N, C-alpha and C. Protein backbone atom coordinates (compact mmCIF):
# COMPACT_ATOMS: atom_id res chain seq x y z
N MET A 1 -22.66 -13.90 5.03
CA MET A 1 -21.49 -13.18 5.51
C MET A 1 -21.46 -11.82 4.90
N ASP A 2 -21.17 -10.78 5.71
CA ASP A 2 -21.09 -9.43 5.11
C ASP A 2 -19.70 -9.20 4.39
N GLU A 3 -19.65 -8.06 3.70
CA GLU A 3 -18.48 -7.78 2.82
C GLU A 3 -17.25 -7.66 3.74
N THR A 4 -17.36 -7.00 4.86
CA THR A 4 -16.19 -6.74 5.77
C THR A 4 -15.58 -8.06 6.26
N SER A 5 -16.40 -8.95 6.76
CA SER A 5 -15.87 -10.20 7.29
C SER A 5 -15.33 -11.08 6.15
N GLU A 6 -15.99 -11.02 4.98
CA GLU A 6 -15.44 -11.74 3.82
C GLU A 6 -14.07 -11.21 3.41
N LEU A 7 -13.91 -9.90 3.43
CA LEU A 7 -12.64 -9.28 3.05
C LEU A 7 -11.58 -9.64 4.08
N SER A 8 -11.94 -9.69 5.37
CA SER A 8 -11.06 -10.07 6.46
C SER A 8 -10.57 -11.54 6.29
N LYS A 9 -11.49 -12.36 5.89
CA LYS A 9 -11.17 -13.80 5.67
C LYS A 9 -10.20 -13.85 4.46
N GLN A 10 -10.50 -13.13 3.39
CA GLN A 10 -9.63 -13.18 2.23
C GLN A 10 -8.20 -12.63 2.62
N THR A 11 -8.13 -11.60 3.42
CA THR A 11 -6.86 -11.02 3.83
C THR A 11 -6.04 -12.10 4.56
N GLU A 12 -6.70 -12.81 5.52
CA GLU A 12 -5.92 -13.72 6.31
C GLU A 12 -5.49 -14.91 5.35
N GLU A 13 -6.35 -15.33 4.38
CA GLU A 13 -5.92 -16.31 3.46
C GLU A 13 -4.78 -15.87 2.60
N LEU A 14 -4.77 -14.59 2.11
CA LEU A 14 -3.66 -14.02 1.36
C LEU A 14 -2.37 -13.83 2.18
N LEU A 15 -2.52 -13.21 3.31
CA LEU A 15 -1.38 -12.74 4.09
C LEU A 15 -0.94 -13.77 5.14
N GLY A 16 -1.84 -14.55 5.62
CA GLY A 16 -1.55 -15.52 6.71
C GLY A 16 -1.54 -14.68 8.03
N THR A 17 -1.20 -15.31 9.10
CA THR A 17 -1.10 -14.65 10.44
C THR A 17 0.17 -13.89 10.45
N PRO A 18 0.30 -12.96 11.46
CA PRO A 18 1.58 -12.19 11.54
C PRO A 18 2.82 -13.10 11.66
N ASP A 19 2.72 -14.23 12.36
CA ASP A 19 3.84 -15.10 12.52
C ASP A 19 4.17 -15.77 11.11
N GLU A 20 3.13 -16.13 10.36
CA GLU A 20 3.40 -16.70 9.03
C GLU A 20 3.99 -15.65 8.10
N ARG A 21 3.59 -14.41 8.28
CA ARG A 21 4.17 -13.35 7.40
C ARG A 21 5.69 -13.20 7.63
N ASP A 22 6.16 -13.32 8.86
CA ASP A 22 7.57 -13.27 9.11
C ASP A 22 8.37 -14.31 8.37
N ALA A 23 7.76 -15.48 8.17
CA ALA A 23 8.38 -16.51 7.47
C ALA A 23 8.28 -16.47 5.91
N GLN A 24 7.60 -15.36 5.51
CA GLN A 24 7.38 -15.18 4.02
C GLN A 24 8.20 -14.05 3.44
N LYS A 25 9.51 -14.09 3.65
CA LYS A 25 10.33 -12.94 3.29
C LYS A 25 10.37 -12.68 1.76
N ASP A 26 10.07 -13.66 0.96
CA ASP A 26 10.08 -13.55 -0.46
C ASP A 26 8.67 -13.28 -1.04
N LYS A 27 7.68 -13.11 -0.19
CA LYS A 27 6.35 -12.95 -0.59
C LYS A 27 5.99 -11.44 -0.77
N TYR A 28 5.18 -11.16 -1.85
CA TYR A 28 4.81 -9.76 -2.14
C TYR A 28 3.32 -9.71 -2.39
N MET A 29 2.60 -8.67 -1.81
CA MET A 29 1.24 -8.45 -2.10
C MET A 29 1.24 -7.58 -3.38
N THR A 30 0.65 -8.00 -4.43
CA THR A 30 0.55 -7.25 -5.66
C THR A 30 -0.76 -6.62 -5.90
N PHE A 31 -0.77 -5.48 -6.52
CA PHE A 31 -2.04 -4.69 -6.77
C PHE A 31 -1.78 -3.97 -8.14
N LYS A 32 -2.99 -3.63 -8.67
CA LYS A 32 -2.96 -2.96 -9.99
C LYS A 32 -3.17 -1.44 -9.78
N SER A 33 -2.37 -0.70 -10.51
CA SER A 33 -2.52 0.77 -10.57
C SER A 33 -2.30 1.20 -12.04
N GLY A 34 -3.33 1.70 -12.64
CA GLY A 34 -3.26 1.97 -14.07
C GLY A 34 -3.12 0.66 -14.85
N SER A 35 -2.13 0.58 -15.75
CA SER A 35 -1.98 -0.64 -16.50
C SER A 35 -0.83 -1.50 -15.92
N GLU A 36 -0.28 -1.13 -14.81
CA GLU A 36 0.84 -1.71 -14.24
C GLU A 36 0.52 -2.48 -12.96
N TYR A 37 1.34 -3.49 -12.64
CA TYR A 37 1.16 -4.17 -11.36
C TYR A 37 2.43 -3.89 -10.45
N PHE A 38 2.09 -3.62 -9.22
CA PHE A 38 3.12 -3.27 -8.22
C PHE A 38 3.09 -4.33 -7.15
N GLY A 39 4.19 -4.37 -6.44
CA GLY A 39 4.30 -5.37 -5.29
C GLY A 39 4.85 -4.67 -4.03
N LEU A 40 4.35 -5.08 -2.92
CA LEU A 40 4.86 -4.60 -1.62
C LEU A 40 5.20 -5.81 -0.83
N LYS A 41 6.32 -5.76 -0.21
CA LYS A 41 6.71 -6.95 0.68
C LYS A 41 5.60 -7.22 1.72
N ILE A 42 5.26 -8.48 1.88
CA ILE A 42 4.19 -8.87 2.89
C ILE A 42 4.46 -8.27 4.24
N GLN A 43 5.76 -8.22 4.68
CA GLN A 43 6.05 -7.79 5.96
C GLN A 43 5.57 -6.38 6.29
N TYR A 44 5.30 -5.51 5.28
CA TYR A 44 4.72 -4.21 5.50
C TYR A 44 3.24 -4.20 5.67
N VAL A 45 2.57 -5.18 5.12
CA VAL A 45 1.16 -5.23 4.98
C VAL A 45 0.49 -5.75 6.28
N ASN A 46 -0.35 -4.87 6.89
CA ASN A 46 -1.08 -5.32 8.08
C ASN A 46 -2.34 -6.06 7.72
N GLU A 47 -3.11 -5.44 6.75
CA GLU A 47 -4.44 -5.96 6.36
C GLU A 47 -4.84 -5.22 5.11
N ILE A 48 -5.94 -5.80 4.51
CA ILE A 48 -6.62 -5.18 3.41
C ILE A 48 -8.01 -4.99 3.80
N ILE A 49 -8.51 -3.75 3.61
CA ILE A 49 -9.89 -3.51 3.98
C ILE A 49 -10.62 -2.91 2.76
N GLN A 50 -11.92 -3.06 2.79
CA GLN A 50 -12.74 -2.52 1.76
C GLN A 50 -12.70 -1.01 1.89
N PHE A 51 -12.92 -0.39 0.74
CA PHE A 51 -12.93 1.12 0.70
C PHE A 51 -14.08 1.61 1.63
N GLN A 52 -13.78 2.71 2.32
CA GLN A 52 -14.76 3.30 3.26
C GLN A 52 -14.66 4.77 3.22
N ALA A 53 -15.61 5.43 3.98
CA ALA A 53 -15.68 6.85 4.02
C ALA A 53 -14.32 7.45 4.48
N ILE A 54 -13.94 8.53 3.87
CA ILE A 54 -12.71 9.17 4.14
C ILE A 54 -13.04 10.66 4.56
N THR A 55 -12.42 11.05 5.65
CA THR A 55 -12.56 12.47 6.06
C THR A 55 -11.35 13.20 5.48
N ALA A 56 -11.69 14.17 4.62
CA ALA A 56 -10.64 14.96 4.02
C ALA A 56 -9.89 15.86 4.92
N ILE A 57 -8.69 16.07 4.60
CA ILE A 57 -7.85 17.01 5.41
C ILE A 57 -7.55 18.21 4.58
N PRO A 58 -7.91 19.44 4.99
CA PRO A 58 -7.68 20.57 4.19
C PRO A 58 -6.22 20.95 4.01
N GLU A 59 -5.92 21.49 2.84
CA GLU A 59 -4.58 22.01 2.63
C GLU A 59 -3.47 20.91 2.70
N THR A 60 -3.72 19.72 2.12
CA THR A 60 -2.72 18.67 1.98
C THR A 60 -2.51 18.30 0.57
N GLU A 61 -1.56 17.64 0.20
CA GLU A 61 -1.30 17.14 -1.17
C GLU A 61 -2.58 16.50 -1.66
N ASP A 62 -2.78 16.49 -3.03
CA ASP A 62 -3.98 15.89 -3.55
C ASP A 62 -4.00 14.42 -3.34
N TYR A 63 -2.85 13.70 -3.33
CA TYR A 63 -2.82 12.25 -3.14
C TYR A 63 -3.12 11.81 -1.73
N ILE A 64 -3.01 12.73 -0.83
CA ILE A 64 -3.41 12.42 0.60
C ILE A 64 -4.90 12.63 0.71
N LYS A 65 -5.72 11.53 0.63
CA LYS A 65 -7.12 11.65 0.51
C LYS A 65 -7.73 12.05 1.84
N GLY A 66 -7.13 11.71 2.93
CA GLY A 66 -7.66 12.14 4.22
C GLY A 66 -7.43 10.98 5.29
N LEU A 67 -8.43 10.88 6.15
CA LEU A 67 -8.22 9.93 7.32
C LEU A 67 -9.42 9.01 7.35
N ILE A 68 -9.19 7.79 7.84
CA ILE A 68 -10.26 6.82 8.10
C ILE A 68 -10.12 6.43 9.56
N ASN A 69 -11.22 5.86 10.07
CA ASN A 69 -11.30 5.35 11.39
C ASN A 69 -11.33 3.85 11.27
N LEU A 70 -10.23 3.20 11.70
CA LEU A 70 -10.10 1.76 11.59
C LEU A 70 -10.14 1.19 12.97
N ARG A 71 -11.26 0.66 13.39
CA ARG A 71 -11.44 0.10 14.67
C ARG A 71 -10.89 1.05 15.79
N GLY A 72 -11.26 2.34 15.72
CA GLY A 72 -10.89 3.30 16.74
C GLY A 72 -9.65 3.96 16.50
N LYS A 73 -8.83 3.49 15.57
CA LYS A 73 -7.56 4.16 15.22
C LYS A 73 -7.78 5.00 13.97
N VAL A 74 -7.29 6.24 14.02
CA VAL A 74 -7.42 7.11 12.89
C VAL A 74 -6.11 6.97 12.05
N ILE A 75 -6.23 6.68 10.82
CA ILE A 75 -5.06 6.52 9.99
C ILE A 75 -5.18 7.32 8.67
N PRO A 76 -4.09 7.91 8.23
CA PRO A 76 -4.13 8.64 6.97
C PRO A 76 -4.18 7.66 5.73
N VAL A 77 -4.78 8.06 4.64
CA VAL A 77 -4.83 7.29 3.49
C VAL A 77 -4.36 8.05 2.26
N ILE A 78 -3.63 7.35 1.39
CA ILE A 78 -3.05 7.93 0.22
C ILE A 78 -3.60 7.19 -1.03
N ASP A 79 -3.88 7.96 -2.07
CA ASP A 79 -4.36 7.40 -3.33
C ASP A 79 -3.11 7.09 -4.12
N VAL A 80 -2.81 5.83 -4.39
CA VAL A 80 -1.54 5.41 -5.02
C VAL A 80 -1.49 5.98 -6.46
N ARG A 81 -2.58 6.00 -7.15
CA ARG A 81 -2.54 6.53 -8.55
C ARG A 81 -2.13 8.00 -8.54
N LEU A 82 -2.74 8.75 -7.60
CA LEU A 82 -2.39 10.17 -7.57
C LEU A 82 -0.96 10.38 -7.16
N ARG A 83 -0.51 9.56 -6.24
CA ARG A 83 0.90 9.67 -5.78
C ARG A 83 1.86 9.38 -6.95
N PHE A 84 1.47 8.62 -7.90
CA PHE A 84 2.33 8.33 -9.09
C PHE A 84 2.05 9.35 -10.17
N LYS A 85 1.20 10.30 -9.94
CA LYS A 85 0.89 11.32 -10.88
C LYS A 85 0.17 10.70 -12.14
N GLN A 86 -0.57 9.63 -11.85
CA GLN A 86 -1.40 9.03 -12.93
C GLN A 86 -2.80 9.70 -12.86
N GLU A 87 -3.56 9.46 -13.89
CA GLU A 87 -4.92 9.95 -13.94
C GLU A 87 -5.72 9.39 -12.76
N PRO A 88 -6.58 10.24 -12.09
CA PRO A 88 -7.41 9.66 -11.03
C PRO A 88 -8.39 8.65 -11.60
N PHE A 89 -8.82 7.71 -10.73
CA PHE A 89 -9.82 6.74 -11.17
C PHE A 89 -11.02 6.84 -10.20
N GLU A 90 -12.18 6.35 -10.70
CA GLU A 90 -13.41 6.37 -9.89
C GLU A 90 -13.33 5.21 -9.03
N TYR A 91 -13.57 5.33 -7.70
CA TYR A 91 -13.55 4.26 -6.78
C TYR A 91 -14.81 3.37 -7.02
N ASN A 92 -14.58 2.06 -6.92
CA ASN A 92 -15.70 1.11 -7.11
C ASN A 92 -15.61 -0.02 -6.17
N ASP A 93 -16.39 -1.10 -6.45
CA ASP A 93 -16.37 -2.20 -5.41
C ASP A 93 -15.12 -3.03 -5.39
N ARG A 94 -14.25 -2.82 -6.39
CA ARG A 94 -12.95 -3.51 -6.42
C ARG A 94 -11.84 -2.72 -5.67
N THR A 95 -12.17 -1.44 -5.44
CA THR A 95 -11.20 -0.56 -4.75
C THR A 95 -11.05 -0.96 -3.36
N CYS A 96 -9.76 -1.06 -2.92
CA CYS A 96 -9.40 -1.55 -1.53
C CYS A 96 -8.42 -0.52 -0.90
N ILE A 97 -8.26 -0.68 0.37
CA ILE A 97 -7.16 0.05 1.06
C ILE A 97 -6.27 -0.99 1.71
N ILE A 98 -4.99 -0.93 1.30
CA ILE A 98 -3.96 -1.74 1.91
C ILE A 98 -3.37 -1.03 3.10
N VAL A 99 -3.54 -1.57 4.24
CA VAL A 99 -3.07 -0.90 5.50
C VAL A 99 -1.66 -1.44 5.69
N ILE A 100 -0.67 -0.46 5.63
CA ILE A 100 0.74 -0.83 5.79
C ILE A 100 1.33 -0.20 7.06
N ASN A 101 2.40 -0.77 7.53
CA ASN A 101 3.15 -0.26 8.70
C ASN A 101 4.53 0.00 8.29
N VAL A 102 4.91 1.34 8.20
CA VAL A 102 6.23 1.71 7.78
C VAL A 102 6.93 2.45 8.95
N LYS A 103 7.99 1.93 9.43
CA LYS A 103 8.69 2.59 10.54
C LYS A 103 7.74 2.95 11.66
N SER A 104 6.85 1.98 12.12
CA SER A 104 5.93 2.12 13.15
C SER A 104 4.79 3.16 12.86
N THR A 105 4.67 3.49 11.61
CA THR A 105 3.62 4.43 11.23
C THR A 105 2.62 3.65 10.33
N VAL A 106 1.37 3.76 10.64
CA VAL A 106 0.36 3.00 9.91
C VAL A 106 -0.36 4.00 8.94
N VAL A 107 -0.35 3.55 7.65
CA VAL A 107 -0.93 4.29 6.54
C VAL A 107 -1.70 3.42 5.67
N GLY A 108 -2.78 3.96 5.09
CA GLY A 108 -3.62 3.20 4.15
C GLY A 108 -3.27 3.59 2.72
N LEU A 109 -3.20 2.65 1.79
CA LEU A 109 -2.96 2.87 0.38
C LEU A 109 -4.15 2.55 -0.43
N ILE A 110 -4.77 3.51 -1.03
CA ILE A 110 -5.98 3.19 -1.89
C ILE A 110 -5.43 2.62 -3.23
N VAL A 111 -5.93 1.43 -3.57
CA VAL A 111 -5.49 0.84 -4.81
C VAL A 111 -6.71 0.40 -5.63
N GLU A 112 -6.55 0.31 -6.92
CA GLU A 112 -7.65 -0.06 -7.80
C GLU A 112 -8.21 -1.47 -7.50
N GLU A 113 -7.28 -2.39 -7.38
CA GLU A 113 -7.67 -3.77 -7.03
C GLU A 113 -6.46 -4.56 -6.64
N ILE A 114 -6.69 -5.51 -5.73
CA ILE A 114 -5.70 -6.36 -5.25
C ILE A 114 -5.50 -7.53 -6.31
N ALA A 115 -4.29 -7.87 -6.65
CA ALA A 115 -4.03 -8.91 -7.59
C ALA A 115 -3.82 -10.16 -6.91
N GLU A 116 -2.65 -10.47 -6.25
CA GLU A 116 -2.37 -11.74 -5.67
C GLU A 116 -1.14 -11.62 -4.79
N VAL A 117 -0.86 -12.61 -4.08
CA VAL A 117 0.38 -12.71 -3.26
C VAL A 117 1.26 -13.58 -4.15
N VAL A 118 2.50 -13.17 -4.48
CA VAL A 118 3.45 -13.89 -5.26
C VAL A 118 4.74 -14.08 -4.55
N GLU A 119 5.50 -15.06 -4.90
CA GLU A 119 6.84 -15.27 -4.31
C GLU A 119 7.85 -14.80 -5.37
N ILE A 120 8.71 -13.91 -4.93
CA ILE A 120 9.79 -13.34 -5.84
C ILE A 120 11.07 -13.56 -5.14
N ARG A 121 11.91 -14.47 -5.57
CA ARG A 121 13.24 -14.69 -4.89
C ARG A 121 14.16 -13.54 -5.35
N ASP A 122 15.16 -13.24 -4.49
CA ASP A 122 16.13 -12.18 -4.77
C ASP A 122 16.77 -12.35 -6.17
N LYS A 123 16.99 -13.56 -6.56
CA LYS A 123 17.69 -13.76 -7.93
C LYS A 123 16.77 -13.34 -9.06
N ASN A 124 15.40 -13.20 -8.79
CA ASN A 124 14.51 -12.70 -9.86
C ASN A 124 14.13 -11.29 -9.69
N ILE A 125 14.99 -10.49 -8.94
CA ILE A 125 14.66 -9.09 -8.76
C ILE A 125 15.81 -8.32 -9.39
N LEU A 126 15.49 -7.52 -10.31
CA LEU A 126 16.46 -6.70 -11.05
C LEU A 126 16.37 -5.23 -10.63
N PRO A 127 17.45 -4.47 -10.79
CA PRO A 127 17.40 -3.03 -10.40
C PRO A 127 16.48 -2.36 -11.47
N PRO A 128 15.78 -1.21 -11.08
CA PRO A 128 14.95 -0.60 -12.02
C PRO A 128 15.81 0.09 -13.16
N PRO A 129 15.28 0.16 -14.39
CA PRO A 129 16.03 0.71 -15.48
C PRO A 129 16.36 2.19 -15.27
N THR A 130 17.55 2.59 -15.73
CA THR A 130 17.93 4.03 -15.64
C THR A 130 17.90 4.74 -16.93
N ILE A 131 17.39 4.13 -18.02
CA ILE A 131 17.37 4.71 -19.28
C ILE A 131 16.05 5.55 -19.49
N GLY A 132 16.19 6.76 -20.00
CA GLY A 132 15.08 7.58 -20.35
C GLY A 132 14.34 8.17 -19.14
N ASN A 133 13.49 9.14 -19.43
CA ASN A 133 12.75 9.81 -18.43
C ASN A 133 11.32 9.39 -18.24
N ALA A 134 10.91 8.54 -19.15
CA ALA A 134 9.48 8.09 -19.10
C ALA A 134 9.26 7.38 -17.79
N ASP A 135 8.08 7.70 -17.19
CA ASP A 135 7.58 7.05 -16.02
C ASP A 135 8.46 7.31 -14.81
N LYS A 136 9.36 8.25 -14.87
CA LYS A 136 10.31 8.39 -13.79
C LYS A 136 9.67 8.84 -12.49
N LEU A 137 8.55 9.51 -12.58
CA LEU A 137 7.86 9.98 -11.41
C LEU A 137 7.52 8.83 -10.42
N HIS A 138 6.93 7.76 -10.95
CA HIS A 138 6.64 6.66 -10.00
C HIS A 138 7.81 5.70 -9.84
N HIS A 139 8.76 5.76 -10.80
CA HIS A 139 9.94 4.83 -10.56
C HIS A 139 10.85 5.26 -9.44
N LYS A 140 10.72 6.46 -9.00
CA LYS A 140 11.57 6.84 -7.82
C LYS A 140 11.07 6.11 -6.57
N TYR A 141 9.92 5.52 -6.63
CA TYR A 141 9.34 4.76 -5.46
C TYR A 141 9.67 3.24 -5.63
N VAL A 142 10.19 2.86 -6.75
CA VAL A 142 10.46 1.42 -7.10
C VAL A 142 11.88 1.13 -6.89
N TYR A 143 12.13 0.01 -6.11
CA TYR A 143 13.48 -0.32 -5.85
C TYR A 143 13.92 -1.54 -6.67
N GLY A 144 13.01 -2.22 -7.34
CA GLY A 144 13.34 -3.36 -8.15
C GLY A 144 12.22 -3.76 -9.14
N ILE A 145 12.58 -4.59 -10.07
CA ILE A 145 11.57 -5.18 -11.00
C ILE A 145 11.64 -6.71 -10.64
N GLY A 146 10.45 -7.20 -10.31
CA GLY A 146 10.37 -8.64 -9.93
C GLY A 146 9.85 -9.38 -11.13
N LYS A 147 10.56 -10.50 -11.52
CA LYS A 147 10.15 -11.34 -12.60
C LYS A 147 9.30 -12.40 -12.03
N VAL A 148 8.06 -12.52 -12.52
CA VAL A 148 7.08 -13.54 -12.09
C VAL A 148 6.58 -14.26 -13.36
N GLY A 149 7.17 -15.37 -13.70
CA GLY A 149 6.71 -16.06 -14.87
C GLY A 149 7.15 -15.19 -16.11
N ASP A 150 6.12 -14.93 -16.96
CA ASP A 150 6.33 -14.09 -18.16
C ASP A 150 6.04 -12.61 -17.87
N THR A 151 5.78 -12.33 -16.61
CA THR A 151 5.33 -10.84 -16.31
C THR A 151 6.36 -10.28 -15.40
N VAL A 152 6.20 -8.93 -15.15
CA VAL A 152 7.08 -8.30 -14.20
C VAL A 152 6.17 -7.43 -13.27
N LYS A 153 6.67 -7.30 -12.04
CA LYS A 153 5.95 -6.50 -11.05
C LYS A 153 6.93 -5.46 -10.60
N LEU A 154 6.51 -4.11 -10.49
CA LEU A 154 7.34 -3.11 -10.00
C LEU A 154 7.25 -3.17 -8.45
N LEU A 155 8.41 -3.40 -7.82
CA LEU A 155 8.49 -3.55 -6.40
C LEU A 155 8.65 -2.22 -5.71
N LEU A 156 7.74 -1.88 -4.82
CA LEU A 156 7.77 -0.48 -4.21
C LEU A 156 8.52 -0.55 -2.87
N ASP A 157 9.17 0.61 -2.62
CA ASP A 157 9.85 0.88 -1.41
C ASP A 157 8.92 1.78 -0.56
N PRO A 158 8.19 1.23 0.44
CA PRO A 158 7.22 2.00 1.16
C PRO A 158 7.80 3.22 1.85
N ASP A 159 9.10 3.14 2.17
CA ASP A 159 9.80 4.24 2.86
C ASP A 159 9.80 5.49 1.92
N LYS A 160 10.07 5.20 0.60
CA LYS A 160 10.04 6.35 -0.39
C LYS A 160 8.68 6.71 -0.77
N LEU A 161 7.81 5.77 -0.81
CA LEU A 161 6.38 6.04 -1.20
C LEU A 161 5.75 7.07 -0.22
N ILE A 162 6.16 7.00 1.02
CA ILE A 162 5.68 7.93 2.04
C ILE A 162 6.83 8.75 2.43
N ASN A 163 6.84 9.96 1.97
CA ASN A 163 8.09 10.78 2.27
C ASN A 163 8.05 11.24 3.74
N ASP A 164 9.14 11.87 4.13
CA ASP A 164 9.29 12.26 5.57
C ASP A 164 8.25 13.24 6.06
N GLU A 165 7.83 14.20 5.19
CA GLU A 165 6.82 15.17 5.65
C GLU A 165 5.50 14.43 5.95
N GLU A 166 5.16 13.45 5.05
CA GLU A 166 3.94 12.63 5.27
C GLU A 166 4.04 11.80 6.52
N LEU A 167 5.23 11.22 6.72
CA LEU A 167 5.43 10.41 7.91
C LEU A 167 5.29 11.22 9.21
N GLU A 168 5.76 12.50 9.09
CA GLU A 168 5.56 13.35 10.23
C GLU A 168 4.16 13.59 10.59
N ALA A 169 3.37 13.89 9.52
CA ALA A 169 1.91 14.10 9.67
C ALA A 169 1.24 12.80 10.22
N ALA A 170 1.63 11.71 9.60
CA ALA A 170 1.05 10.41 10.04
C ALA A 170 1.49 10.08 11.44
N ASP A 171 2.75 10.43 11.79
CA ASP A 171 3.21 10.20 13.16
C ASP A 171 2.42 10.98 14.14
N GLN A 172 2.04 12.20 13.79
CA GLN A 172 1.25 13.03 14.74
C GLN A 172 -0.06 12.36 14.94
N VAL A 173 -0.73 11.82 13.88
CA VAL A 173 -2.01 11.11 13.97
C VAL A 173 -1.83 9.87 14.90
N ASN A 174 -0.76 9.14 14.66
CA ASN A 174 -0.50 7.92 15.38
C ASN A 174 -0.14 8.24 16.87
N ASP A 175 0.59 9.31 17.09
CA ASP A 175 0.82 9.71 18.47
C ASP A 175 -0.44 10.12 19.18
N ALA A 176 -1.35 10.77 18.49
CA ALA A 176 -2.60 11.10 19.08
C ALA A 176 -3.45 9.89 19.39
N ASN A 177 -3.41 8.87 18.49
CA ASN A 177 -4.01 7.61 18.76
C ASN A 177 -3.52 6.94 19.98
N ASN A 178 -2.14 6.91 20.11
CA ASN A 178 -1.52 6.29 21.24
C ASN A 178 -1.88 7.00 22.56
N GLU A 179 -1.89 8.30 22.51
CA GLU A 179 -2.29 9.04 23.79
C GLU A 179 -3.69 8.69 24.16
N GLU A 180 -4.65 8.58 23.20
CA GLU A 180 -5.99 8.28 23.50
C GLU A 180 -6.16 6.91 24.13
N GLY A 181 -5.26 6.00 23.68
CA GLY A 181 -5.30 4.65 24.18
C GLY A 181 -4.78 4.44 25.58
N GLU A 182 -3.96 5.47 26.10
CA GLU A 182 -3.36 5.33 27.41
C GLU A 182 -4.34 5.79 28.49
């Protein structure tokens, strides 16, 4: 079995089918960035793909790595570490792209590695701390702290992770994809 089909199989095992995802409101896809673990609600995650060639877009923010062609659809990709103003990392065989859908806009998030799918009930989600300025850059994208056993996961708000300017650029790409499909 090649790496792509193996990753697709793993994605379906982790995420389930779209119908199963709707029933998983307390489920989060977690991934590692730097020394921290972050979580995204499963409902935003379309799929996880292996890292692939990216076409750079000139004159964009450094964290917008460019565009990929995913089965005929061109989607923008963002490096999560760079988005959080963390040190860049060298992409390797553990590097993945989480394809998310935010407000009908499809975007890829480059992450160091996928961790697991966890269940975090609302009662185990705390608001992010407001003390101090440390790590504030990426905490503006965090809407809560999820307690999972003895660990915590920083829960991301994908709407904030992808700001309006980026959504507009991504919308233009998605609009072009839709026009090509008609």
